[in-house]
Amino acid sequence: LLRTGREGKNVIEIADQILKKHSKKRLLQLKYEDLIKIKGIDSAKATTLLAAFELSKRAMEVDDANLPTIFAPKDVVAQLTELRHNKKEHLVALYLNARNQMVHKETISMGTLNANLVHPREVFEPALKHSAAGIMVAHNHPSGDPKPSEDDLEITKRLVEAGKMMGVEFLDHVIISTNSHFSFKGNKLI
């Protein structure tokens, strides 16, 4: 589809670079603006690739109906079952479109046995990249107690405020433990 390379890189090297940077699923979600930022991809090649991506989606019947919908803390927990047994704290963000469908999931940070440091910019940067309308975050408590710490309360407050400033709604923060979970929204802390 790319047909030719550019000065210093042949077409195979450019294709290889694109495939190393983007997963197959993410490749199908690239927009025109993303494609023309790649050295060696001009508007004609970007248009050709977008047409091929659209045909691929139609052939595979990939559409928004296949995206998981996240409404409640149990939906968050279902997407993050692997967190239950982690020995260190992991903070994961779920990025949602306007219909509460998950468009992206990303591990934001990995902490220690009982702490996880995160800054709002690390949470909201992928939200902008994926045009998310809302965010839900979750992290695990290896101790088994899902009760929020003072640090959990503080970072949640900061994330809510950052979401207001960014125009991306911060929907919930869920703490997952081995056998249970805690929702900030469900406990009226958001």
Protein backbone atom coordinates (compact mmCIF):
# COMPACT_ATOMS: atom_id res chain seq x y z
CA LEU A 1 0.00 0.00 0.00
CA LEU A 2 2.86 2.41 0.72
CA ARG A 3 4.42 1.73 -2.71
CA THR A 4 7.62 3.76 -2.15
CA GLY A 5 9.94 4.78 0.64
CA ARG A 6 11.60 8.09 1.33
CA GLU A 7 15.15 9.33 1.24
CA GLY A 8 17.17 7.21 3.65
CA LYS A 9 14.46 4.56 4.24
CA ASN A 10 12.95 2.07 1.87
CA VAL A 11 9.27 1.15 1.93
CA ILE A 12 9.88 -2.01 3.98
CA GLU A 13 11.68 -0.02 6.69
CA ILE A 14 8.83 2.51 6.88
CA ALA A 15 6.22 -0.26 7.08
CA ASP A 16 8.29 -2.04 9.73
CA GLN A 17 8.58 1.19 11.76
CA ILE A 18 4.77 1.67 11.68
CA LEU A 19 4.06 -1.92 12.70
CA LYS A 20 6.56 -1.77 15.57
CA LYS A 21 5.01 1.42 16.92
CA HIS A 22 1.31 0.47 16.59
CA SER A 23 -0.48 -2.76 17.42
CA LYS A 24 -2.78 -4.18 14.75
CA LYS A 25 -5.83 -3.03 16.67
CA ARG A 26 -4.39 0.46 17.19
CA LEU A 27 -3.39 0.63 13.54
CA LEU A 28 -7.04 0.40 12.54
CA GLN A 29 -7.82 3.36 14.81
CA LEU A 30 -5.21 5.75 13.39
CA LYS A 31 -6.55 8.97 11.94
CA TYR A 32 -5.34 10.97 8.96
CA GLU A 33 -3.54 13.41 11.28
CA ASP A 34 -1.65 10.52 12.92
CA LEU A 35 -0.58 9.04 9.61
CA ILE A 36 0.80 12.18 7.98
CA LYS A 37 3.03 12.78 11.02
CA ILE A 38 4.98 9.65 10.04
CA LYS A 39 8.00 10.47 7.89
CA GLY A 40 7.45 8.91 4.48
CA ILE A 41 3.63 9.09 4.64
CA ASP A 42 2.16 11.89 2.55
CA SER A 43 -1.54 12.69 2.10
CA ALA A 44 -1.97 10.21 -0.79
CA LYS A 45 -0.46 7.33 1.21
CA ALA A 46 -2.45 8.30 4.31
CA THR A 47 -5.68 8.27 2.30
CA THR A 48 -4.82 4.88 0.79
CA LEU A 49 -4.08 3.44 4.24
CA LEU A 50 -7.31 4.84 5.71
CA ALA A 51 -9.30 3.28 2.89
CA ALA A 52 -7.61 -0.07 3.50
CA PHE A 53 -8.22 0.21 7.25
CA GLU A 54 -11.90 0.93 6.66
CA LEU A 55 -12.24 -2.06 4.33
CA SER A 56 -10.49 -4.24 6.93
CA LYS A 57 -12.87 -3.07 9.66
CA ARG A 58 -15.88 -3.80 7.50
CA ALA A 59 -14.55 -7.20 6.51
CA MET A 60 -13.91 -8.10 10.15
CA GLU A 61 -17.08 -6.37 11.32
CA VAL A 62 -15.05 -4.33 13.80
CA ASP A 63 -17.18 -1.52 15.10
CA ASP A 64 -18.16 0.26 18.28
CA ALA A 65 -20.60 -2.52 19.16
CA ASN A 66 -17.60 -4.71 20.02
CA LEU A 67 -16.19 -2.26 22.57
CA PRO A 68 -16.83 -3.14 26.22
CA THR A 69 -19.25 -0.81 27.99
CA ILE A 70 -18.23 0.43 31.43
CA PHE A 71 -20.99 1.78 33.68
CA ALA A 72 -20.40 0.41 37.15
CA PRO A 73 -17.47 -0.57 39.39
CA LYS A 74 -18.15 -4.24 38.62
CA ASP A 75 -17.52 -3.48 34.92
CA VAL A 76 -14.15 -1.94 35.84
CA VAL A 77 -13.26 -4.97 37.97
CA ALA A 78 -14.23 -7.30 35.11
CA GLN A 79 -11.75 -5.52 32.81
CA LEU A 80 -8.96 -5.67 35.40
CA THR A 81 -9.13 -9.09 37.02
CA GLU A 82 -5.35 -9.40 36.70
CA LEU A 83 -4.93 -6.67 39.33
CA ARG A 84 -6.40 -8.82 42.12
CA HIS A 85 -3.23 -10.85 42.62
CA ASN A 86 -0.46 -8.34 41.86
CA LYS A 87 2.15 -8.06 44.60
CA LYS A 88 2.69 -4.34 43.90
CA GLU A 89 0.20 -1.56 43.37
CA HIS A 90 -0.68 -0.91 39.72
CA LEU A 91 -2.79 2.04 38.59
CA VAL A 92 -4.72 1.46 35.37
CA ALA A 93 -6.88 3.96 33.50
CA LEU A 94 -9.86 3.06 31.34
CA TYR A 95 -10.62 5.64 28.66
CA LEU A 96 -14.25 5.84 27.56
CA ASN A 97 -16.10 7.43 24.67
CA ALA A 98 -19.35 9.37 25.11
CA ARG A 99 -21.31 6.06 25.19
CA ASN A 100 -19.15 4.72 28.04
CA GLN A 101 -17.43 2.26 25.72
CA MET A 102 -13.81 1.56 26.54
CA VAL A 103 -11.64 2.87 23.71
CA HIS A 104 -8.32 2.36 25.47
CA LYS A 105 -6.83 0.80 28.61
CA GLU A 106 -3.41 1.74 29.92
CA THR A 107 -1.29 0.95 32.96
CA ILE A 108 -0.24 4.36 34.20
CA SER A 109 2.11 3.37 37.00
CA MET A 110 3.43 0.53 39.08
CA GLY A 111 4.26 1.20 42.67
CA THR A 112 5.56 -0.59 45.70
CA LEU A 113 3.90 -2.98 48.11
CA ASN A 114 1.74 -0.21 49.56
CA ALA A 115 2.22 2.96 47.48
CA ASN A 116 1.70 4.17 43.96
CA LEU A 117 2.76 7.62 42.82
CA VAL A 118 0.90 9.17 39.90
CA HIS A 119 0.52 12.64 38.43
CA PRO A 120 -2.67 13.82 36.67
CA ARG A 121 -0.77 14.57 33.45
CA GLU A 122 0.14 10.87 33.17
CA VAL A 123 -3.54 9.94 33.44
CA PHE A 124 -4.92 12.59 31.09
CA GLU A 125 -2.32 12.49 28.30
CA PRO A 126 -3.72 9.21 26.87
CA ALA A 127 -7.26 10.62 27.28
CA LEU A 128 -6.43 13.40 24.87
CA LYS A 129 -4.61 11.05 22.50
CA HIS A 130 -7.63 8.73 22.32
CA SER A 131 -10.29 11.48 22.38
CA ALA A 132 -11.83 10.08 25.55
CA ALA A 133 -14.97 11.67 26.98
CA GLY A 134 -14.47 10.06 30.39
CA ILE A 135 -11.95 8.23 32.55
CA MET A 136 -12.20 5.61 35.24
CA VAL A 137 -9.07 4.60 37.12
CA ALA A 138 -8.45 1.59 39.27
CA HIS A 139 -5.62 0.33 41.37
CA ASN A 140 -5.06 -2.69 43.54
CA HIS A 141 -4.30 -2.99 47.23
CA PRO A 142 -2.01 -5.99 47.70
CA SER A 143 -2.82 -5.89 51.43
CA GLY A 144 -6.34 -7.19 50.65
CA ASP A 145 -8.07 -4.19 52.27
CA PRO A 146 -9.82 -2.05 49.63
CA LYS A 147 -10.34 0.88 52.01
CA PRO A 148 -8.78 4.07 50.50
CA SER A 149 -5.71 5.61 52.09
CA GLU A 150 -5.20 9.35 52.56
CA ASP A 151 -3.00 9.31 49.44
CA ASP A 152 -5.81 7.60 47.48
CA LEU A 153 -8.26 10.29 48.59
CA GLU A 154 -5.83 13.07 47.66
CA ILE A 155 -4.96 11.77 44.18
CA THR A 156 -8.64 11.18 43.42
CA LYS A 157 -9.43 14.77 44.37
CA ARG A 158 -6.61 15.99 42.10
CA LEU A 159 -7.79 13.81 39.21
CA VAL A 160 -11.37 15.09 39.52
CA GLU A 161 -10.12 18.69 39.42
CA ALA A 162 -7.79 17.98 36.48
CA GLY A 163 -10.68 16.35 34.61
CA LYS A 164 -12.80 19.46 35.06
CA MET A 165 -10.01 21.64 33.71
CA MET A 166 -9.34 19.29 30.77
CA GLY A 167 -12.99 18.77 29.84
CA VAL A 168 -12.70 15.01 30.38
CA GLU A 169 -15.05 13.67 33.03
CA PHE A 170 -13.41 11.71 35.83
CA LEU A 171 -16.09 9.08 36.46
CA ASP A 172 -14.77 6.85 39.24
CA HIS A 173 -11.76 5.48 41.07
CA VAL A 174 -12.03 1.81 42.01
CA ILE A 175 -9.72 0.06 44.46
CA ILE A 176 -9.47 -3.67 43.81
CA SER A 177 -8.39 -6.21 46.39
CA THR A 178 -8.23 -9.99 46.27
CA ASN A 179 -11.90 -10.55 47.16
CA SER A 180 -13.61 -7.16 46.97
CA HIS A 181 -13.49 -3.62 45.64
CA PHE A 182 -14.20 -0.05 46.72
CA SER A 183 -15.78 2.62 44.50
CA PHE A 184 -15.17 6.29 45.27
CA LYS A 185 -18.32 7.25 43.37
CA GLY A 186 -20.37 4.48 44.97
CA ASN A 187 -19.26 5.76 48.39
CA LYS A 188 -20.04 9.37 47.44
CA LEU A 189 -16.40 10.48 47.54
CA ILE A 190 -16.66 11.87 43.99
